[in-house]
Protein backbone atom coordinates (compact mmCIF):
# COMPACT_ATOMS: atom_id res chain seq x y z
CA MET A 1 -186.44 -6.64 -99.13
CA SER A 2 -185.63 -6.16 -102.77
CA PRO A 3 -185.35 -2.62 -104.09
CA PHE A 4 -188.09 -1.36 -106.39
CA LEU A 5 -188.55 1.51 -108.77
CA LEU A 6 -191.55 3.31 -110.21
CA VAL A 7 -191.85 2.95 -113.97
CA PRO A 8 -191.98 6.46 -115.46
CA ARG A 9 -195.44 7.06 -116.90
CA HIS A 10 -194.02 8.38 -120.16
CA VAL A 11 -192.74 4.84 -120.80
CA VAL A 12 -196.34 3.60 -120.64
CA ALA A 13 -198.40 6.63 -121.61
CA GLY A 14 -196.12 8.35 -124.08
CA ALA A 15 -194.19 11.59 -124.12
CA GLY A 16 -195.63 14.56 -122.28
CA ALA A 17 -197.02 12.66 -119.26
CA ASP A 18 -195.55 13.40 -115.83
CA ALA A 19 -193.36 10.72 -114.31
CA PRO A 20 -194.58 9.29 -110.98
CA SER A 21 -191.38 10.62 -109.42
CA THR A 22 -193.01 14.06 -109.91
CA LYS A 23 -196.50 13.18 -108.66
CA LEU A 24 -198.33 9.99 -107.82
CA ASN A 25 -201.80 9.31 -109.18
CA ILE A 26 -203.74 8.31 -106.07
CA ALA A 27 -207.12 6.64 -105.61
CA GLY A 28 -209.04 6.92 -102.36
CA ILE A 29 -211.13 3.94 -101.26
CA GLY A 30 -213.51 4.70 -98.41
CA VAL A 31 -213.55 8.49 -98.45
CA GLY A 32 -216.56 9.53 -96.37
CA GLY A 33 -214.83 9.49 -92.98
CA MET A 34 -211.15 9.31 -92.04
CA GLY A 35 -210.29 8.82 -95.70
CA ALA A 36 -211.24 12.44 -96.37
CA ALA A 37 -208.58 13.62 -93.91
CA ASN A 38 -206.00 11.29 -95.43
CA LEU A 39 -206.71 12.64 -98.90
CA ARG A 40 -206.26 16.23 -97.70
CA ASN A 41 -202.75 15.28 -96.64
CA LEU A 42 -202.14 13.88 -100.13
CA GLU A 43 -203.30 16.87 -102.15
CA SER A 44 -199.80 17.65 -103.37
CA GLU A 45 -200.27 14.56 -105.55
CA ASN A 46 -202.92 13.82 -108.18
CA ILE A 47 -206.19 12.54 -106.70
CA VAL A 48 -207.47 10.70 -109.77
CA ALA A 49 -210.10 8.32 -108.40
CA LEU A 50 -212.56 8.10 -105.51
CA CYS A 51 -214.31 4.87 -104.53
CA ASP A 52 -217.00 4.54 -101.88
CA VAL A 53 -219.90 2.14 -101.43
CA ASP A 54 -221.96 5.06 -100.10
CA PRO A 55 -221.55 8.01 -102.48
CA GLY A 56 -224.14 9.94 -100.49
CA TYR A 57 -222.10 9.76 -97.29
CA ALA A 58 -218.94 10.59 -99.28
CA ALA A 59 -220.55 13.45 -101.22
CA LYS A 60 -218.45 16.25 -99.67
CA THR A 61 -215.21 14.48 -100.53
CA ILE A 62 -216.39 13.70 -104.05
CA ALA A 63 -217.25 17.35 -104.56
CA ARG A 64 -213.80 18.43 -103.37
CA TYR A 65 -212.08 16.51 -106.21
CA PRO A 66 -214.19 17.17 -109.30
CA ASN A 67 -211.53 15.81 -111.67
CA ALA A 68 -211.42 12.39 -110.00
CA ARG A 69 -213.34 9.47 -111.50
CA VAL A 70 -215.94 8.13 -109.06
CA TRP A 71 -216.47 4.42 -108.40
CA THR A 72 -218.55 2.25 -106.09
CA ASP A 73 -216.71 -1.07 -106.51
CA TYR A 74 -212.94 -1.03 -105.92
CA ARG A 75 -212.52 -4.16 -108.06
CA GLU A 76 -213.94 -2.42 -111.12
CA MET A 77 -211.81 0.63 -110.43
CA LEU A 78 -208.57 -1.36 -110.20
CA GLU A 79 -209.42 -3.30 -113.34
CA GLN A 80 -210.60 -0.43 -115.52
CA GLN A 81 -208.73 2.73 -114.44
CA LYS A 82 -205.16 2.18 -115.55
CA ASP A 83 -203.58 5.49 -114.50
CA ILE A 84 -203.61 4.71 -110.75
CA ASP A 85 -200.20 4.42 -109.05
CA ALA A 86 -201.30 4.15 -105.43
CA VAL A 87 -204.38 3.67 -103.26
CA MET A 88 -205.41 5.02 -99.87
CA ILE A 89 -207.78 2.68 -98.00
CA ALA A 90 -209.97 3.95 -95.15
CA THR A 91 -212.91 1.54 -95.20
CA PRO A 92 -214.20 -0.34 -92.12
CA ASP A 93 -211.73 -2.85 -90.66
CA HIS A 94 -213.40 -5.96 -92.06
CA THR A 95 -212.73 -4.92 -95.67
CA HIS A 96 -209.14 -3.68 -95.28
CA ALA A 97 -207.47 -6.96 -96.18
CA VAL A 98 -209.38 -7.86 -99.35
CA ILE A 99 -208.95 -4.35 -100.75
CA ALA A 100 -205.27 -4.04 -99.78
CA MET A 101 -204.49 -7.45 -101.25
CA ALA A 102 -206.23 -6.59 -104.53
CA ALA A 103 -204.24 -3.35 -104.73
CA ILE A 104 -200.92 -5.09 -104.02
CA GLN A 105 -201.67 -7.72 -106.64
CA ALA A 106 -202.47 -4.91 -109.09
CA GLY A 107 -199.04 -3.39 -108.41
CA LYS A 108 -200.32 -0.31 -106.54
CA HIS A 109 -198.64 1.33 -103.56
CA VAL A 110 -200.93 0.96 -100.55
CA PHE A 111 -201.73 3.20 -97.59
CA CYS A 112 -204.20 1.41 -95.31
CA GLN A 113 -205.77 2.83 -92.20
CA LYS A 114 -205.24 1.09 -88.89
CA PRO A 115 -205.70 -1.59 -87.84
CA LEU A 116 -204.30 -3.31 -90.89
CA CYS A 117 -207.03 -5.94 -91.04
CA HIS A 118 -209.66 -7.91 -89.13
CA ASP A 119 -207.99 -11.24 -88.26
CA LEU A 120 -204.52 -12.68 -87.75
CA TYR A 121 -204.45 -14.72 -90.93
CA GLU A 122 -205.13 -11.56 -92.92
CA ALA A 123 -202.31 -9.71 -91.12
CA ARG A 124 -199.79 -12.44 -91.80
CA THR A 125 -200.89 -12.89 -95.42
CA LEU A 126 -200.79 -9.16 -96.20
CA ALA A 127 -197.31 -8.80 -94.69
CA LYS A 128 -196.04 -11.68 -96.83
CA ALA A 129 -197.64 -10.32 -99.98
CA ALA A 130 -196.21 -6.86 -99.37
CA ALA A 131 -192.72 -8.26 -98.78
CA ALA A 132 -192.87 -10.18 -102.04
CA SER A 133 -194.13 -7.18 -104.01
CA LYS A 134 -192.43 -4.08 -105.34
CA VAL A 135 -194.82 -1.58 -103.79
CA ALA A 136 -194.54 0.81 -100.84
CA THR A 137 -196.99 0.06 -98.01
CA GLN A 138 -197.94 2.08 -94.94
CA MET A 139 -200.46 1.62 -92.13
CA GLY A 140 -202.21 4.74 -90.87
CA ILE A 141 -200.63 5.14 -87.43
CA GLN A 142 -199.53 8.75 -87.67
CA GLY A 143 -197.56 8.65 -84.42
CA HIS A 144 -195.05 6.38 -86.15
CA SER A 145 -193.89 9.40 -88.14
CA GLY A 146 -193.85 11.67 -85.11
CA GLU A 147 -191.12 13.00 -82.86
CA GLY A 148 -192.46 11.31 -79.71
CA LEU A 149 -191.83 7.77 -80.90
CA ARG A 150 -188.27 8.65 -81.89
CA LEU A 151 -187.51 10.26 -78.55
CA ILE A 152 -188.88 7.26 -76.64
CA CYS A 153 -186.71 4.91 -78.70
CA GLU A 154 -183.58 7.02 -78.28
CA TRP A 155 -184.05 7.48 -74.55
CA ILE A 156 -184.65 3.79 -73.90
CA TRP A 157 -181.85 2.64 -76.21
CA SER A 158 -179.43 5.02 -74.49
CA GLY A 159 -180.22 3.42 -71.12
CA ALA A 160 -181.96 6.50 -69.71
CA ILE A 161 -184.53 4.45 -67.77
CA GLY A 162 -182.58 1.21 -67.50
CA GLU A 163 -183.94 -2.24 -68.23
CA VAL A 164 -187.65 -2.30 -69.17
CA ARG A 165 -189.70 -5.26 -68.01
CA GLU A 166 -193.14 -3.71 -67.49
CA VAL A 167 -195.48 -1.41 -69.43
CA ASP A 168 -198.98 -0.15 -68.73
CA ALA A 169 -200.95 1.20 -71.68
CA TRP A 170 -204.54 2.34 -71.81
CA CYS A 171 -207.51 3.85 -73.58
CA SER A 172 -210.06 5.27 -71.14
CA LEU A 173 -212.76 5.66 -73.81
CA THR A 174 -215.63 3.22 -74.15
CA TYR A 175 -218.17 2.27 -76.82
CA TYR A 176 -221.10 2.49 -74.42
CA PRO A 177 -223.81 3.06 -75.54
CA TRP A 178 -222.74 0.69 -78.29
CA GLY A 179 -222.06 2.61 -81.45
CA HIS A 180 -221.33 5.89 -79.60
CA LYS A 181 -224.92 6.96 -80.24
CA PRO A 182 -227.62 7.37 -77.55
CA TRP A 183 -230.26 5.81 -79.79
CA SER A 184 -228.23 2.59 -79.99
CA SER A 185 -228.80 1.93 -76.28
CA ALA A 186 -232.35 0.95 -77.22
CA TYR A 187 -230.85 -2.27 -78.59
CA GLY A 188 -228.30 -2.80 -75.84
CA ALA A 189 -225.60 -5.10 -77.17
CA ALA A 190 -228.08 -7.10 -79.23
CA ARG A 191 -228.32 -7.07 -83.00
CA PRO A 192 -231.18 -4.81 -84.15
CA LYS A 193 -234.22 -6.69 -85.39
CA ASP A 194 -235.87 -3.95 -87.45
CA THR A 195 -234.88 -3.46 -91.09
CA PRO A 196 -235.03 0.20 -92.08
CA PRO A 197 -234.71 1.15 -95.75
CA LEU A 198 -231.26 1.56 -97.25
CA PRO A 199 -229.91 5.08 -97.61
CA ASP A 200 -230.03 6.31 -101.17
CA LYS A 201 -227.05 5.06 -103.23
CA LEU A 202 -225.59 2.80 -100.49
CA ASN A 203 -224.44 -0.58 -101.85
CA TRP A 204 -224.95 -2.67 -98.72
CA ASP A 205 -223.66 -5.89 -100.28
CA LEU A 206 -220.31 -4.24 -101.03
CA TRP A 207 -220.23 -2.63 -97.58
CA LEU A 208 -220.57 -6.09 -96.02
CA GLY A 209 -217.82 -7.47 -98.24
CA PRO A 210 -216.50 -10.72 -96.71
CA ALA A 211 -218.47 -10.32 -93.44
CA PRO A 212 -221.49 -12.53 -92.65
CA GLU A 213 -224.70 -11.29 -94.22
CA ARG A 214 -227.15 -9.24 -92.16
CA PRO A 215 -229.67 -6.52 -93.01
CA TYR A 216 -228.60 -2.90 -93.13
CA HIS A 217 -229.11 -0.82 -90.01
CA ARG A 218 -227.99 2.59 -88.84
CA ALA A 219 -226.38 0.80 -85.88
CA TYR A 220 -223.59 -0.28 -88.26
CA HIS A 221 -223.14 2.47 -90.84
CA PRO A 222 -221.99 5.16 -90.98
CA MET A 223 -219.32 5.41 -88.27
CA THR A 224 -220.79 2.99 -85.73
CA TRP A 225 -219.36 -0.26 -87.10
CA ARG A 226 -216.23 -0.35 -84.95
CA CYS A 227 -217.90 -1.76 -81.83
CA TRP A 228 -219.37 -4.82 -83.64
CA TRP A 229 -217.18 -7.95 -83.70
CA ASP A 230 -218.09 -8.76 -87.32
CA PHE A 231 -216.89 -5.40 -88.61
CA GLY A 232 -214.49 -3.69 -86.21
CA ASN A 233 -211.58 -4.35 -83.91
CA GLY A 234 -212.81 -2.23 -81.03
CA MET A 235 -210.59 0.00 -78.93
CA MET A 236 -207.79 -2.57 -79.07
CA GLY A 237 -207.56 -2.11 -82.82
CA ASP A 238 -208.50 1.56 -82.87
CA ARG A 239 -206.40 3.11 -80.09
CA GLY A 240 -204.25 0.08 -79.28
CA ALA A 241 -202.62 0.19 -82.71
CA HIS A 242 -201.55 3.77 -81.96
CA THR A 243 -200.62 3.45 -78.30
CA LEU A 244 -198.67 0.20 -78.53
CA ASP A 245 -196.71 1.43 -81.56
CA PRO A 246 -193.95 3.30 -79.67
CA VAL A 247 -193.77 0.50 -77.11
CA VAL A 248 -193.30 -2.16 -79.79
CA SER A 249 -190.73 -0.01 -81.59
CA ALA A 250 -188.68 1.01 -78.54
CA LEU A 251 -188.66 -2.42 -76.89
CA LYS A 252 -188.29 -4.32 -80.19
CA LEU A 253 -191.20 -6.57 -79.29
CA GLY A 254 -192.08 -9.53 -81.46
CA ALA A 255 -195.04 -11.80 -80.89
CA PRO A 256 -196.31 -12.44 -77.35
CA THR A 257 -196.24 -15.98 -76.06
CA SER A 258 -199.43 -15.58 -74.04
CA VAL A 259 -202.27 -13.12 -73.59
CA GLU A 260 -204.86 -13.11 -70.82
CA ALA A 261 -207.93 -10.92 -70.45
CA THR A 262 -210.76 -10.05 -68.13
CA SER A 263 -213.68 -8.43 -69.95
CA THR A 264 -216.65 -6.36 -68.75
CA ASP A 265 -220.13 -6.95 -70.24
CA LEU A 266 -218.94 -9.55 -72.72
CA ASN A 267 -221.44 -10.61 -75.38
CA PRO A 268 -221.36 -12.33 -78.80
CA GLU A 269 -222.12 -9.21 -80.87
CA THR A 270 -220.15 -6.24 -79.55
CA HIS A 271 -216.79 -5.55 -78.02
CA PRO A 272 -216.87 -5.38 -74.22
CA ILE A 273 -217.32 -2.04 -72.49
CA GLY A 274 -214.01 -2.54 -70.71
CA ALA A 275 -211.19 -5.02 -70.37
CA ILE A 276 -207.77 -5.57 -68.87
CA VAL A 277 -205.44 -7.51 -71.16
CA THR A 278 -201.99 -8.76 -70.16
CA PHE A 279 -199.43 -9.66 -72.84
CA ARG A 280 -196.28 -11.65 -72.05
CA PHE A 281 -193.36 -11.13 -74.41
CA PRO A 282 -190.25 -13.32 -74.25
CA ALA A 283 -186.65 -12.13 -73.99
CA ARG A 284 -185.22 -10.77 -77.25
CA GLY A 285 -181.45 -11.32 -77.33
CA GLU A 286 -180.09 -9.22 -74.46
CA LEU A 287 -183.47 -7.59 -73.84
CA PRO A 288 -185.48 -9.03 -70.92
CA PRO A 289 -189.05 -10.40 -71.00
CA VAL A 290 -191.80 -7.79 -70.91
CA LYS A 291 -195.20 -7.77 -69.25
CA LEU A 292 -197.51 -5.33 -71.06
CA THR A 293 -200.91 -4.60 -69.52
CA TRP A 294 -203.60 -2.92 -71.62
CA TYR A 295 -206.44 -1.15 -69.80
CA GLU A 296 -209.54 -0.56 -71.94
CA GLY A 297 -212.36 1.67 -70.73
CA THR A 298 -210.32 2.54 -67.66
CA ARG A 299 -206.81 3.58 -66.65
CA PRO A 300 -203.93 1.89 -64.83
CA PRO A 301 -203.10 2.88 -61.26
CA ARG A 302 -201.60 6.33 -61.00
CA PRO A 303 -197.81 6.00 -60.77
CA PRO A 304 -196.46 7.19 -57.41
CA GLU A 305 -193.71 9.12 -59.21
CA LEU A 306 -196.26 11.49 -60.80
CA GLU A 307 -196.60 14.77 -58.94
CA ASP A 308 -199.97 15.56 -57.37
CA SER A 309 -200.33 18.64 -59.56
CA ARG A 310 -200.03 16.68 -62.81
CA SER A 311 -202.52 14.43 -64.61
CA MET A 312 -202.17 11.31 -66.69
CA PRO A 313 -203.06 11.74 -70.39
CA LYS A 314 -206.84 11.98 -70.52
CA GLU A 315 -207.86 9.57 -73.29
CA GLY A 316 -204.95 7.15 -73.20
CA GLY A 317 -201.24 6.64 -73.25
CA ALA A 318 -198.44 4.48 -71.93
CA LEU A 319 -196.28 4.15 -68.83
CA ILE A 320 -192.96 2.50 -69.68
CA ARG A 321 -191.22 1.45 -66.47
CA GLY A 322 -187.50 0.80 -66.40
CA SER A 323 -185.17 -0.22 -63.61
CA LYS A 324 -183.93 3.40 -63.41
CA GLY A 325 -186.92 5.48 -64.38
CA LEU A 326 -190.37 5.85 -65.91
CA ILE A 327 -191.56 7.37 -69.23
CA MET A 328 -195.13 8.60 -69.67
CA CYS A 329 -196.54 9.48 -73.10
CA GLY A 330 -199.87 10.08 -74.81
CA VAL A 331 -201.98 7.99 -77.21
CA TYR A 332 -199.72 8.44 -80.23
CA GLY A 333 -196.46 8.45 -78.29
CA GLU A 334 -196.68 12.24 -78.17
CA GLY A 335 -195.30 14.37 -75.37
CA PRO A 336 -193.04 11.78 -73.73
CA ARG A 337 -191.63 12.81 -70.36
CA LEU A 338 -189.64 11.12 -67.65
CA ILE A 339 -191.51 11.39 -64.37
CA PRO A 340 -191.16 12.97 -61.92
CA GLU A 341 -190.22 16.20 -63.68
CA SER A 342 -186.95 16.30 -61.74
CA ALA A 343 -185.91 13.14 -63.61
CA MET A 344 -186.80 14.81 -66.91
CA GLN A 345 -184.72 17.85 -66.07
CA ALA A 346 -181.77 15.62 -65.13
CA LEU A 347 -181.96 13.60 -68.38
CA ALA A 348 -178.82 13.74 -70.46
CA ARG A 349 -180.42 13.93 -73.89
CA PRO A 350 -178.87 11.34 -76.22
CA PRO A 351 -178.08 12.27 -79.83
CA LYS A 352 -180.94 12.11 -82.30
CA SER A 353 -179.86 8.88 -83.97
CA LEU A 354 -183.10 8.08 -85.81
CA PRO A 355 -184.07 9.85 -89.04
CA ARG A 356 -186.96 12.30 -88.71
CA VAL A 357 -189.98 12.36 -91.00
CA VAL A 358 -190.45 15.70 -92.71
CA GLY A 359 -194.15 16.27 -93.33
CA THR A 360 -197.14 14.02 -92.71
CA HIS A 361 -197.40 10.27 -92.26
CA GLU A 362 -199.18 10.05 -95.60
CA MET A 363 -196.40 11.92 -97.36
CA ASP A 364 -193.78 9.65 -95.82
CA TRP A 365 -195.52 6.91 -97.80
CA VAL A 366 -195.55 9.01 -100.98
CA ASP A 367 -191.87 9.93 -100.60
CA ALA A 368 -190.99 6.26 -100.01
CA ALA A 369 -192.85 5.18 -103.15
CA LYS A 370 -190.98 7.75 -105.22
CA ALA A 371 -187.60 6.89 -103.70
CA GLY A 372 -187.99 3.12 -104.02
CA ARG A 373 -187.92 2.42 -100.27
CA GLN A 374 -190.35 1.40 -97.55
CA PRO A 375 -191.83 3.97 -95.13
CA GLY A 376 -191.72 3.49 -91.37
CA ALA A 377 -195.04 1.71 -90.81
CA HIS A 378 -194.78 -0.66 -93.77
CA PHE A 379 -196.76 -3.88 -93.60
CA GLY A 380 -193.69 -5.86 -92.49
CA TYR A 381 -193.81 -3.80 -89.28
CA SER A 382 -197.48 -2.95 -88.97
CA GLY A 383 -198.64 -6.50 -89.75
CA PRO A 384 -197.03 -7.97 -86.59
CA LEU A 385 -198.18 -4.94 -84.56
CA THR A 386 -201.73 -5.62 -85.75
CA GLU A 387 -201.35 -9.30 -84.86
CA THR A 388 -200.60 -8.32 -81.26
CA CYS A 389 -203.74 -6.18 -81.09
CA LEU A 390 -205.85 -8.94 -82.62
CA LEU A 391 -204.54 -11.47 -80.10
CA GLY A 392 -205.67 -9.10 -77.38
CA ASN A 393 -209.13 -9.12 -78.93
CA ILE A 394 -209.26 -12.91 -78.98
CA ALA A 395 -208.28 -13.05 -75.30
CA LYS A 396 -210.99 -10.45 -74.58
CA ARG A 397 -213.54 -12.47 -76.51
CA MET A 398 -212.65 -15.70 -74.73
CA ASP A 399 -212.35 -13.89 -71.38
CA ALA A 400 -209.40 -16.18 -70.76
CA ARG A 401 -205.70 -16.81 -71.13
CA ILE A 402 -204.44 -17.94 -74.53
CA GLU A 403 -201.05 -19.36 -75.43
CA TRP A 404 -199.78 -18.32 -78.85
CA ASP A 405 -197.65 -20.25 -81.34
CA ALA A 406 -196.78 -17.39 -83.70
CA ALA A 407 -194.83 -19.50 -86.18
CA ASN A 408 -197.87 -21.69 -86.87
CA LEU A 409 -200.61 -19.07 -86.32
CA GLN A 410 -202.19 -21.22 -83.65
CA ILE A 411 -203.60 -20.90 -80.16
CA THR A 412 -202.38 -24.02 -78.42
CA ASN A 413 -204.27 -24.19 -75.12
CA LEU A 414 -207.81 -23.28 -76.26
CA PRO A 415 -208.41 -24.87 -79.68
CA GLU A 416 -211.90 -23.40 -79.88
CA ALA A 417 -210.36 -19.91 -80.01
CA ASN A 418 -208.63 -20.64 -83.33
CA LYS A 419 -211.87 -19.90 -85.20
CA TYR A 420 -211.05 -16.23 -84.54
CA VAL A 421 -207.53 -16.51 -85.96
CA ARG A 422 -208.96 -16.83 -89.45
CA ALA A 423 -212.54 -15.76 -90.03
CA GLU A 424 -214.74 -17.56 -92.51
CA TYR A 425 -215.50 -15.31 -95.48
CA ARG A 426 -218.94 -14.88 -96.97
CA GLN A 427 -219.45 -16.82 -100.20
CA GLY A 428 -217.93 -15.06 -103.18
CA TRP A 429 -215.10 -13.44 -101.21
CA SER A 430 -211.49 -14.56 -100.78
CA LEU A 431 -208.13 -13.07 -99.89
């Protein structure tokens, strides 16, 4: 990847303006939910713009930054507000790619919440665009900047648990009733048929973005979009992007060759209540093949090595089994331990060979932009990680086994599944 530098603002704006190496001018896009938390972690910089299709929902965040210009359409903001150095994107999954691509093409550094995008073509295209650009990119998987991921890598690379051929990972949460809201159970998994009035100030056309058109309903916005296929990537994209991150990093996993799934309560509109998804990864140099099983809405069998007095992480985590031992960690790779505890106590701790991130995941991105480097979860890494999660979703949706030709972005054994590799955009939208 070619090195890049920030152009000092005084070169563009004249003497007296701060150089970006002092502070970045950051725009937030999608600031009513998780984006508000991301912006709080960026307050050492200049928050100069806020963009949200629902200013009413985002009102608290807008009030917090009274000096920021407020926009509804990110395209107008990128075209008209010239002082922006970087953007933070925390919109629903289905609009991540079009916004991130527009920002990259405008020369802005990009922080995008997980999962990176909504389909595999988007993931591959964004990774290529980021690699060809001179901007710093980061996906919002905060565990990637944490201590747990680094310890897992160092322990495995030092041979502490031997050769790893099998991993169980899980998220025990479920979307039932669909949308996390009791009222949504009135619709089951079906698309609502009533058409309530739009909330004041919500631009529903922009909220839909490239997704197929449908009337507004509270079942989709705010916050309840993630369980719908057209808008979200379900638990596989939500928690899977976090939980598989340390596994992918430590085992140096590339693309799987096949993925098979068994889904519970599968339907055309919403993600299943539960699923078991098995990924097969090929050998990587001297590293052996890996079978990775993802449990969604449930947990894997309790490992016999775990003492009766101890519990598995409540909401999710991973069990990384080696020929000499077993590592258990939480959702974000946090709190890794060898089990049983006697194995942990006997561990000869290897040297800390990986650099540590000082500060937050968001600030790792800021520091990288200022230093002319890429942060840890740049799109060249997080794009392929997202592809793995999205392949799991396709297998879930097909309730079948799929064989994957990563080089050609193609499912080879079930041609009908390729319609999910690249979604058809609504008229007027393109990547």
